Amino acid sequence: MITGASAFTLAFIAFGSQPTPQQLATQQATREDHRQMMDQLHIPFLRPGVNARVAGSANYDEAKANPYPDLPDPLTMKNGKKVTSARTWWEQRRPEIVEDFDREVYGRVPTFVPSVKWQVTNTAHELVGDVPIVTKTLVGHVDNSAYPDITVDIELSLSTPASAKTPVPVIMVLGGVPAAGRGGVPAAAPAQQGADPGPSWQAQVLAKGWGFAALNPVSIQADNGAGLRKRIIGLVNKGGPRKPDDWGALRAWAWGASRAVDYFETDKAVDAKHVAIQGHSRYGKAALVGMAYDQRIAIVFVSSSGEGGAKLHRRNFGELVENVAGENEYHWMAGNFLKYAGPLKWSDLPVDSHELIAMCAPRPVFLGAGNLVDPAVDIGHSDAWVDARGTFIAGVAAGPVYRLLGKKDLGTPEFPPIGTGILNGDLVFRQHSAGHTPNPNWPYFLTFAEREFQAIAQ
């Protein structure tokens, strides 16, 4: 069996390079942190994950994909009573689901988290195509007076049309990297790039008369286990290790997105009632978590989020719970999540991802993914790893909550063909054929968002 540590090293060798001393030190610190969490949980070992780049390792056979087909009912309370009213959902059932996610999946945000003071460090007048924009580069300084050894500065940029006379809706992208030290349109994160022709997502947003923002998640919390004693999680823990129900990186990135919304509420250029959040891949997970936990976010575009995001944990297709519980990804989750790749089964989870989607209700959710080419055959043009069908099934299973709250769900359990989608409800899905990229779904999401923003305004 290849361990997470050796897999890390082999990944560099496969691409013709050797890890640097700093990368090896990060790997070692990650391994030690992962081990101490397993020790806290009294888990001697975890089941191994699958390898996307090894033929036959991951399952892509739909006939084997549902070993645990029975999902928790989002409308049945812990005491067995059925939820039949919106009031019962909000006051009793939804808090039960939130508690399960907090304890077992994403972790709890501490009761006392330091405040954030936003500073505009630069304002620039620029062009996207032929559209003049005003870009503000911002830093969110987190109060570290309780533990000065750790500094956290959240990186954010905000671009709005220069011609706007009134506040505009804003699409906030997780993973966009603000230009360092100056104004400027943020560069797209690697996961946002692609060879698709046509206008950039920024240009498409501006064509609606809206603005866009780019939030850098790793300025909030590092994307590795070694970083769990640094950035915001490390600051709150004063450099110490996490407890099993402490928040992981996904919850921390979502917390940072909420702090960006705090800023938007103070900026006269932004219509803070119409803020959307978007993320792709790991940042798609964080975008969904952010939407679920912050009622101020109006709409979400969840792109190829996979395991730990919108994909059902109980599915055996592509990436598994065991992968996310391993050394390379466990930092995204609460420590307790590791139990479900060790002594417990996936079906022992008290919640599943359809209930995370249901936490977003009645607000609109756009679920997206790429095609299902076997990555062992065509790694560069596949999105099979994220299990688009598992995401779709989760959306279907969230439907009863949307209907209870007076909104339109997906409307069918039939998985749509690639290149099509179900786009006429408040909970929608579309799968494109261009692989692991959000780009082909951007026009459809923006049309969806425009319709939903109009409904919110009425």
Protein backbone atom coordinates (compact mmCIF):
# COMPACT_ATOMS: atom_id res chain seq x y z
CA MET A 1 0.00 0.00 0.00
CA ILE A 2 1.24 3.50 -0.82
CA THR A 3 0.94 5.75 2.19
CA GLY A 4 -0.07 9.40 1.97
CA ALA A 5 3.51 10.41 2.66
CA SER A 6 5.12 8.28 -0.02
CA ALA A 7 2.35 9.18 -2.46
CA PHE A 8 3.29 12.82 -1.89
CA THR A 9 6.91 12.13 -2.81
CA LEU A 10 6.02 9.91 -5.76
CA ALA A 11 3.78 12.64 -7.17
CA PHE A 12 6.84 14.87 -7.54
CA ILE A 13 8.92 12.09 -9.07
CA ALA A 14 6.13 11.33 -11.57
CA PHE A 15 6.33 14.90 -12.81
CA GLY A 16 10.13 14.84 -13.08
CA SER A 17 11.03 16.75 -9.92
CA GLN A 18 12.03 16.19 -6.32
CA PRO A 19 10.31 17.74 -3.31
CA THR A 20 12.19 20.64 -1.74
CA PRO A 21 13.36 20.56 1.89
CA GLN A 22 10.49 22.89 2.77
CA GLN A 23 7.98 20.59 1.09
CA LEU A 24 9.43 17.59 2.90
CA ALA A 25 9.19 19.47 6.21
CA THR A 26 5.53 20.28 5.47
CA GLN A 27 4.93 16.63 4.63
CA GLN A 28 6.51 15.50 7.91
CA ALA A 29 4.56 18.03 9.99
CA THR A 30 1.35 16.97 8.25
CA ARG A 31 2.06 13.31 8.95
CA GLU A 32 2.68 14.06 12.63
CA ASP A 33 -0.50 16.13 12.97
CA HIS A 34 -2.55 13.44 11.24
CA ARG A 35 -1.11 10.84 13.58
CA GLN A 36 -1.84 12.87 16.71
CA MET A 37 -5.46 13.27 15.63
CA MET A 38 -5.74 9.51 15.11
CA ASP A 39 -4.25 9.05 18.58
CA GLN A 40 -6.86 11.41 20.05
CA LEU A 41 -9.54 9.29 18.39
CA HIS A 42 -7.84 6.01 19.42
CA ILE A 43 -7.72 4.87 15.80
CA PRO A 44 -4.71 2.64 14.96
CA PHE A 45 -5.15 2.77 11.18
CA LEU A 46 -7.43 3.98 8.39
CA ARG A 47 -8.68 2.17 5.33
CA PRO A 48 -6.65 3.27 2.28
CA GLY A 49 -8.13 5.58 -0.30
CA VAL A 50 -8.14 5.00 -4.05
CA ASN A 51 -5.78 6.47 -6.63
CA ALA A 52 -7.21 8.52 -9.50
CA ARG A 53 -4.16 7.83 -11.66
CA VAL A 54 -4.06 4.05 -11.27
CA ALA A 55 -6.37 2.08 -13.55
CA GLY A 56 -8.82 -0.04 -11.59
CA SER A 57 -8.17 1.66 -8.24
CA ALA A 58 -11.27 3.86 -8.13
CA ASN A 59 -14.69 2.52 -9.02
CA TYR A 60 -16.51 4.02 -12.03
CA ASP A 61 -19.07 1.27 -12.40
CA GLU A 62 -22.51 2.61 -11.49
CA ALA A 63 -23.68 -0.91 -10.63
CA LYS A 64 -21.24 -0.90 -7.68
CA ALA A 65 -21.68 2.75 -6.69
CA ASN A 66 -24.42 2.52 -4.05
CA PRO A 67 -23.52 0.08 -1.28
CA TYR A 68 -25.53 2.21 1.16
CA PRO A 69 -28.56 3.44 -0.82
CA ASP A 70 -30.59 4.50 2.23
CA LEU A 71 -29.93 8.15 3.03
CA PRO A 72 -30.79 9.98 6.26
CA ASP A 73 -34.15 11.69 5.87
CA PRO A 74 -33.69 15.46 6.19
CA LEU A 75 -37.34 15.76 7.25
CA THR A 76 -37.28 13.16 10.04
CA MET A 77 -36.18 14.40 13.44
CA LYS A 78 -33.97 12.51 15.86
CA ASN A 79 -37.05 11.49 17.84
CA GLY A 80 -38.58 9.93 14.73
CA LYS A 81 -41.21 12.61 14.17
CA LYS A 82 -41.78 13.90 10.65
CA VAL A 83 -41.24 17.55 9.80
CA THR A 84 -44.38 18.94 8.24
CA SER A 85 -43.96 22.70 8.65
CA ALA A 86 -41.36 25.33 7.85
CA ARG A 87 -41.34 26.36 11.50
CA THR A 88 -40.39 22.87 12.66
CA TRP A 89 -37.65 22.77 10.02
CA TRP A 90 -36.10 26.04 11.17
CA GLU A 91 -36.56 25.62 14.90
CA GLN A 92 -35.94 21.91 15.41
CA ARG A 93 -34.77 19.80 12.47
CA ARG A 94 -32.27 22.13 10.82
CA PRO A 95 -30.41 22.73 14.12
CA GLU A 96 -30.10 18.94 14.52
CA ILE A 97 -28.50 18.67 11.08
CA VAL A 98 -26.17 21.61 11.76
CA GLU A 99 -25.03 19.98 15.00
CA ASP A 100 -24.19 16.72 13.21
CA PHE A 101 -22.18 18.52 10.54
CA ASP A 102 -20.40 20.60 13.18
CA ARG A 103 -19.43 17.63 15.30
CA GLU A 104 -18.73 14.93 12.72
CA VAL A 105 -17.94 16.49 9.35
CA TYR A 106 -16.70 20.09 9.10
CA GLY A 107 -16.02 20.98 12.72
CA ARG A 108 -17.17 23.77 14.98
CA VAL A 109 -16.23 27.40 14.60
CA PRO A 110 -14.99 28.40 18.07
CA THR A 111 -17.28 30.50 20.22
CA PHE A 112 -14.74 33.30 20.29
CA VAL A 113 -12.97 34.06 17.01
CA PRO A 114 -10.93 37.28 16.71
CA SER A 115 -12.46 40.19 14.84
CA VAL A 116 -11.37 41.26 11.36
CA LYS A 117 -10.57 44.85 10.40
CA TRP A 118 -10.68 45.48 6.66
CA GLN A 119 -8.24 47.86 4.98
CA VAL A 120 -8.32 49.05 1.38
CA THR A 121 -4.66 48.96 0.39
CA ASN A 122 -5.08 50.09 -3.22
CA THR A 123 -7.71 51.37 -5.63
CA ALA A 124 -7.10 51.04 -9.36
CA HIS A 125 -9.00 51.97 -12.52
CA GLU A 126 -8.71 49.18 -15.07
CA LEU A 127 -10.32 47.50 -18.04
CA VAL A 128 -11.75 44.04 -18.56
CA GLY A 129 -12.06 43.95 -22.33
CA ASP A 130 -13.52 47.37 -23.01
CA VAL A 131 -15.39 47.67 -19.69
CA PRO A 132 -13.89 50.16 -17.20
CA ILE A 133 -13.81 48.85 -13.65
CA VAL A 134 -12.70 50.02 -10.23
CA THR A 135 -10.69 47.42 -8.34
CA LYS A 136 -10.07 47.63 -4.62
CA THR A 137 -7.36 45.49 -3.11
CA LEU A 138 -8.17 44.68 0.50
CA VAL A 139 -6.54 43.05 3.48
CA GLY A 140 -8.56 41.75 6.41
CA HIS A 141 -6.35 42.06 9.48
CA VAL A 142 -7.38 39.50 12.08
CA ASP A 143 -6.91 40.67 15.67
CA ASN A 144 -4.02 38.62 17.03
CA SER A 145 -3.56 40.48 20.30
CA ALA A 146 -4.34 37.30 22.25
CA TYR A 147 -1.53 35.42 20.45
CA PRO A 148 0.87 37.73 18.57
CA ASP A 149 3.02 34.83 17.33
CA ILE A 150 0.50 34.18 14.54
CA THR A 151 -0.59 36.83 12.04
CA VAL A 152 -3.56 36.36 9.71
CA ASP A 153 -4.18 38.78 6.83
CA ILE A 154 -7.07 37.82 4.56
CA GLU A 155 -6.56 38.71 0.88
CA LEU A 156 -9.57 39.98 -1.05
CA SER A 157 -10.15 42.05 -4.15
CA LEU A 158 -13.37 43.69 -5.29
CA SER A 159 -14.03 44.93 -8.84
CA THR A 160 -17.15 46.88 -9.80
CA PRO A 161 -18.18 48.61 -13.03
CA ALA A 162 -16.84 52.15 -13.08
CA SER A 163 -20.09 53.36 -14.66
CA ALA A 164 -22.34 51.96 -11.92
CA LYS A 165 -24.56 54.62 -10.34
CA THR A 166 -26.11 52.32 -7.74
CA PRO A 167 -24.86 49.34 -5.68
CA VAL A 168 -24.37 46.21 -7.78
CA PRO A 169 -24.63 42.46 -7.10
CA VAL A 170 -21.26 40.77 -6.58
CA ILE A 171 -20.08 37.27 -7.47
CA MET A 172 -17.39 36.23 -4.97
CA VAL A 173 -15.05 33.53 -6.26
CA LEU A 174 -13.08 31.39 -3.83
CA GLY A 175 -9.65 30.64 -5.19
CA GLY A 176 -9.19 33.84 -7.16
CA VAL A 177 -5.83 35.26 -6.09
CA PRO A 178 -5.79 39.04 -5.59
CA ALA A 179 -2.83 40.83 -7.14
CA ALA A 180 -0.24 41.29 -4.43
CA GLY A 181 0.63 44.79 -3.37
CA ARG A 182 -1.32 46.61 -6.06
CA GLY A 183 -4.68 46.93 -7.66
CA GLY A 184 -5.59 44.76 -10.57
CA VAL A 185 -7.99 42.17 -11.84
CA PRO A 186 -7.23 39.03 -9.79
CA ALA A 187 -5.64 36.15 -11.63
CA ALA A 188 -7.82 33.08 -11.85
CA ALA A 189 -6.78 30.15 -9.72
CA PRO A 190 -5.45 27.17 -11.73
CA ALA A 191 -8.74 25.33 -11.25
CA GLN A 192 -10.58 28.25 -12.81
CA GLN A 193 -8.52 28.24 -15.97
CA GLY A 194 -9.26 26.27 -19.07
CA ALA A 195 -8.91 26.26 -22.82
CA ASP A 196 -12.57 27.10 -23.42
CA PRO A 197 -12.97 29.95 -25.91
CA GLY A 198 -15.11 32.96 -25.19
CA PRO A 199 -15.23 35.71 -22.58
CA SER A 200 -13.70 35.15 -19.16
CA TRP A 201 -16.03 34.65 -16.23
CA GLN A 202 -15.11 38.17 -15.09
CA ALA A 203 -16.21 39.62 -18.46
CA GLN A 204 -19.44 37.61 -18.31
CA VAL A 205 -20.20 38.97 -14.84
CA LEU A 206 -19.53 42.55 -15.95
CA ALA A 207 -21.82 42.05 -18.95
CA LYS A 208 -24.67 41.64 -16.45
CA GLY A 209 -23.73 44.96 -14.88
CA TRP A 210 -22.45 43.20 -11.75
CA GLY A 211 -19.16 43.18 -9.88
CA PHE A 212 -16.88 40.35 -8.88
CA ALA A 213 -14.63 39.60 -5.95
CA ALA A 214 -11.75 37.18 -5.47
CA LEU A 215 -10.98 35.70 -2.05
CA ASN A 216 -7.72 33.87 -1.41
CA PRO A 217 -8.60 30.93 0.89
CA VAL A 218 -5.02 30.03 1.79
CA SER A 219 -4.55 33.49 3.27
CA ILE A 220 -7.22 32.38 5.76
CA GLN A 221 -6.06 28.83 6.36
CA ALA A 222 -3.27 26.84 4.72
CA ASP A 223 -4.27 23.94 2.46
CA ASN A 224 -2.30 21.26 4.32
CA GLY A 225 -2.22 19.57 7.69
CA ALA A 226 1.01 21.26 8.72
CA GLY A 227 -0.82 24.58 8.58
CA LEU A 228 -3.44 23.63 11.14
CA ARG A 229 -1.32 25.22 13.89
CA LYS A 230 -1.06 28.42 11.88
CA ARG A 231 -3.41 30.93 10.23
CA ILE A 232 -6.89 31.32 11.72
CA ILE A 233 -7.23 27.80 13.20
CA GLY A 234 -3.77 28.03 14.74
CA LEU A 235 -4.40 31.56 16.00
CA VAL A 236 -7.57 30.54 17.86
CA ASN A 237 -5.79 27.49 19.28
CA LYS A 238 -2.70 29.57 20.14
CA GLY A 239 -0.49 27.29 18.10
CA GLY A 240 -1.79 24.08 19.65
CA PRO A 241 -3.37 21.01 18.02
CA ARG A 242 -7.06 20.69 17.17
CA LYS A 243 -9.62 18.80 19.18
CA PRO A 244 -11.63 16.19 17.21
CA ASP A 245 -14.61 18.51 16.71
CA ASP A 246 -12.59 21.66 15.91
CA TRP A 247 -13.11 23.26 12.51
CA GLY A 248 -11.10 22.23 9.48
CA ALA A 249 -9.95 24.26 6.49
CA LEU A 250 -13.29 24.11 4.63
CA ARG A 251 -15.12 25.63 7.58
CA ALA A 252 -12.32 28.16 8.04
CA TRP A 253 -12.46 29.19 4.37
CA ALA A 254 -16.23 29.56 4.70
CA TRP A 255 -15.70 31.70 7.81
CA GLY A 256 -13.38 33.91 5.78
CA ALA A 257 -16.01 34.24 3.06
CA SER A 258 -18.45 35.43 5.71
CA ARG A 259 -15.94 38.07 6.83
CA ALA A 260 -15.79 39.24 3.21
CA VAL A 261 -19.58 39.57 3.28
CA ASP A 262 -19.15 41.69 6.42
CA TYR A 263 -17.03 44.04 4.34
CA PHE A 264 -19.46 44.06 1.42
CA GLU A 265 -22.18 45.24 3.80
CA THR A 266 -20.10 48.38 4.45
CA ASP A 267 -19.13 49.15 0.83
CA LYS A 268 -21.57 51.49 -0.94
CA ALA A 269 -20.61 50.02 -4.32
CA VAL A 270 -22.01 46.59 -3.35
CA ASP A 271 -25.61 45.43 -3.16
CA ALA A 272 -25.00 43.16 -0.17
CA LYS A 273 -28.43 41.54 -0.52
CA HIS A 274 -27.29 40.06 -3.83
CA VAL A 275 -23.93 38.42 -3.09
CA ALA A 276 -23.22 35.06 -4.72
CA ILE A 277 -20.39 32.68 -3.89
CA GLN A 278 -18.60 30.38 -6.34
CA GLY A 279 -15.92 27.76 -5.98
CA HIS A 280 -14.46 24.92 -8.03
CA SER A 281 -13.14 21.57 -6.78
CA ARG A 282 -11.94 21.97 -3.16
CA TYR A 283 -13.15 25.54 -3.24
CA GLY A 284 -16.49 24.25 -4.51
CA LYS A 285 -16.71 22.33 -1.24
CA ALA A 286 -15.95 25.51 0.69
CA ALA A 287 -18.47 27.54 -1.32
CA LEU A 288 -21.23 25.07 -0.47
CA VAL A 289 -20.24 25.07 3.20
CA GLY A 290 -20.20 28.87 3.19
CA MET A 291 -23.67 29.04 1.64
CA ALA A 292 -25.06 26.48 4.10
CA TYR A 293 -23.83 28.34 7.16
CA ASP A 294 -24.30 32.00 6.19
CA GLN A 295 -27.87 33.03 5.44
CA ARG A 296 -26.69 36.36 4.00
CA ILE A 297 -25.21 34.69 0.91
CA ALA A 298 -27.94 34.80 -1.73
CA ILE A 299 -26.88 32.09 -4.19
CA VAL A 300 -24.08 29.58 -4.80
CA PHE A 301 -22.37 28.00 -7.82
CA VAL A 302 -20.89 24.69 -6.63
CA SER A 303 -18.54 23.39 -9.31
CA SER A 304 -17.12 19.85 -9.25
CA SER A 305 -17.00 19.76 -5.46
CA GLY A 306 -16.84 15.98 -5.10
CA GLU A 307 -16.25 14.12 -1.83
CA GLY A 308 -16.45 16.47 1.13
CA GLY A 309 -18.71 18.74 -0.92
CA ALA A 310 -21.97 17.96 -2.71
CA LYS A 311 -21.17 14.31 -3.56
CA LEU A 312 -22.82 11.75 -1.30
CA HIS A 313 -20.39 10.26 1.23
CA ARG A 314 -22.17 6.93 0.92
CA ARG A 315 -21.26 6.59 -2.79
CA ASN A 316 -18.51 4.29 -4.02
CA PHE A 317 -17.58 6.26 -7.14
CA GLY A 318 -14.33 8.16 -7.71
CA GLU A 319 -12.97 9.84 -4.60
CA LEU A 320 -13.95 8.26 -1.29
CA VAL A 321 -14.28 9.20 2.36
CA GLU A 322 -10.97 7.37 2.85
CA ASN A 323 -9.19 9.79 0.51
CA VAL A 324 -10.46 12.86 2.36
CA ALA A 325 -9.58 11.26 5.71
CA GLY A 326 -6.01 10.59 4.55
CA GLU A 327 -2.95 12.75 5.13
CA ASN A 328 -3.36 14.82 1.99
CA GLU A 329 -6.90 16.05 2.66
CA TYR A 330 -7.94 15.44 6.28
CA HIS A 331 -7.22 19.06 7.18
CA TRP A 332 -10.34 20.08 5.27
CA MET A 333 -12.56 18.32 7.81
CA ALA A 334 -13.14 17.93 11.52
CA GLY A 335 -10.92 15.32 13.12
CA ASN A 336 -14.00 13.23 13.90
CA PHE A 337 -14.48 12.65 10.18
CA LEU A 338 -11.51 10.25 10.24
CA LYS A 339 -13.60 7.74 12.21
CA TYR A 340 -15.65 6.98 9.11
CA ALA A 341 -12.55 5.73 7.29
CA GLY A 342 -11.45 3.68 10.28
CA PRO A 343 -13.61 1.81 12.75
CA LEU A 344 -16.89 3.12 11.28
CA LYS A 345 -18.52 2.79 7.86
CA TRP A 346 -19.71 5.60 5.56
CA SER A 347 -23.28 4.65 6.45
CA ASP A 348 -22.57 5.41 10.11
CA LEU A 349 -22.37 9.12 9.30
CA PRO A 350 -25.44 10.74 10.89
CA VAL A 351 -25.76 13.10 7.90
CA ASP A 352 -24.89 13.12 4.23
CA SER A 353 -24.30 15.81 1.63
CA HIS A 354 -27.93 16.15 0.54
CA GLU A 355 -28.53 17.63 3.99
CA LEU A 356 -25.75 20.17 3.46
CA ILE A 357 -27.56 21.25 0.28
CA ALA A 358 -30.81 21.29 2.26
CA MET A 359 -29.20 23.68 4.76
CA CYS A 360 -29.00 26.19 1.90
CA ALA A 361 -32.76 26.09 1.32
CA PRO A 362 -34.76 28.03 0.34
CA ARG A 363 -31.93 29.95 -1.34
CA PRO A 364 -30.93 28.97 -4.90
CA VAL A 365 -28.18 26.43 -5.52
CA PHE A 366 -26.49 25.65 -8.86
CA LEU A 367 -24.72 22.25 -8.85
CA GLY A 368 -22.27 21.69 -11.70
CA ALA A 369 -19.69 19.16 -12.88
CA GLY A 370 -17.84 17.94 -15.95
CA ASN A 371 -17.95 14.71 -17.92
CA LEU A 372 -17.52 11.15 -16.74
CA VAL A 373 -14.60 9.92 -18.83
CA ASP A 374 -12.60 7.36 -16.84
CA PRO A 375 -9.55 9.33 -15.61
CA ALA A 376 -7.38 6.24 -16.01
CA VAL A 377 -8.10 6.56 -19.73
CA ASP A 378 -8.05 10.34 -20.09
CA ILE A 379 -6.93 12.14 -16.94
CA GLY A 380 -6.85 15.56 -18.54
CA HIS A 381 -10.45 15.56 -19.75
CA SER A 382 -12.31 13.75 -16.99
CA ASP A 383 -14.35 14.87 -14.03
CA ALA A 384 -15.33 11.35 -12.99
CA TRP A 385 -13.36 11.64 -9.73
CA VAL A 386 -15.92 14.12 -8.33
CA ASP A 387 -18.93 11.86 -9.09
CA ALA A 388 -21.37 14.11 -10.89
CA ARG A 389 -24.17 11.59 -10.51
CA GLY A 390 -23.57 11.41 -6.75
CA THR A 391 -23.91 15.18 -6.65
CA PHE A 392 -27.12 15.02 -8.67
CA ILE A 393 -28.59 12.35 -6.38
CA ALA A 394 -27.75 14.55 -3.39
CA GLY A 395 -29.61 17.39 -5.07
CA VAL A 396 -32.64 15.17 -5.65
CA ALA A 397 -32.58 14.06 -1.99
CA ALA A 398 -32.49 17.69 -0.82
CA GLY A 399 -35.62 18.39 -2.84
CA PRO A 400 -38.19 17.69 -0.12
CA VAL A 401 -36.78 20.54 1.98
CA TYR A 402 -36.98 22.95 -0.95
CA ARG A 403 -40.59 21.92 -1.57
CA LEU A 404 -41.46 22.27 2.12
CA LEU A 405 -40.14 25.84 2.02
CA GLY A 406 -42.15 26.71 -1.08
CA LYS A 407 -39.38 26.45 -3.67
CA LYS A 408 -38.95 24.35 -6.81
CA ASP A 409 -36.51 21.45 -6.65
CA LEU A 410 -34.88 19.47 -9.47
CA GLY A 411 -38.23 17.93 -10.30
CA THR A 412 -36.95 14.57 -11.53
CA PRO A 413 -34.67 11.74 -10.37
CA GLU A 414 -33.52 11.15 -13.97
CA PHE A 415 -29.86 12.05 -14.45
CA PRO A 416 -29.59 14.43 -17.43
CA PRO A 417 -27.29 13.70 -20.39
CA ILE A 418 -23.88 15.38 -20.55
CA GLY A 419 -24.14 18.82 -22.08
CA THR A 420 -27.58 19.39 -20.64
CA GLY A 421 -29.04 20.21 -17.29
CA ILE A 422 -32.12 20.81 -15.19
CA LEU A 423 -32.19 24.56 -14.89
CA ASN A 424 -35.75 25.72 -14.32
CA GLY A 425 -35.99 25.41 -10.53
CA ASP A 426 -34.42 27.01 -7.48
CA LEU A 427 -32.16 23.97 -7.09
CA VAL A 428 -30.52 23.14 -10.44
CA PHE A 429 -27.85 20.91 -11.99
CA ARG A 430 -25.80 20.95 -15.18
CA GLN A 431 -23.02 18.68 -16.46
CA HIS A 432 -20.73 19.78 -19.30
CA SER A 433 -18.25 17.85 -21.44
CA ALA A 434 -15.01 19.80 -20.91
CA GLY A 435 -13.55 17.97 -17.92
CA HIS A 436 -12.51 19.39 -14.57
CA THR A 437 -13.25 23.08 -15.13
CA PRO A 438 -16.16 25.38 -14.28
CA ASN A 439 -15.89 27.44 -17.45
CA PRO A 440 -18.67 25.95 -19.64
CA ASN A 441 -21.18 26.31 -16.79
CA TRP A 442 -20.54 30.00 -16.11
CA PRO A 443 -23.07 31.35 -18.67
CA TYR A 444 -25.77 29.01 -17.35
CA PHE A 445 -25.05 29.95 -13.76
CA LEU A 446 -25.18 33.67 -14.52
CA THR A 447 -28.53 33.29 -16.31
CA PHE A 448 -29.78 31.33 -13.29
CA ALA A 449 -28.43 33.96 -10.90
CA GLU A 450 -30.04 36.80 -12.86
CA ARG A 451 -33.43 35.11 -12.62
CA GLU A 452 -33.03 34.40 -8.92
CA PHE A 453 -31.73 37.89 -8.13
CA GLN A 454 -34.83 39.30 -9.81
CA ALA A 455 -37.01 37.02 -7.67
CA ILE A 456 -35.20 38.15 -4.50
CA ALA A 457 -35.73 41.80 -5.42
CA GLN A 458 -39.49 41.35 -5.88
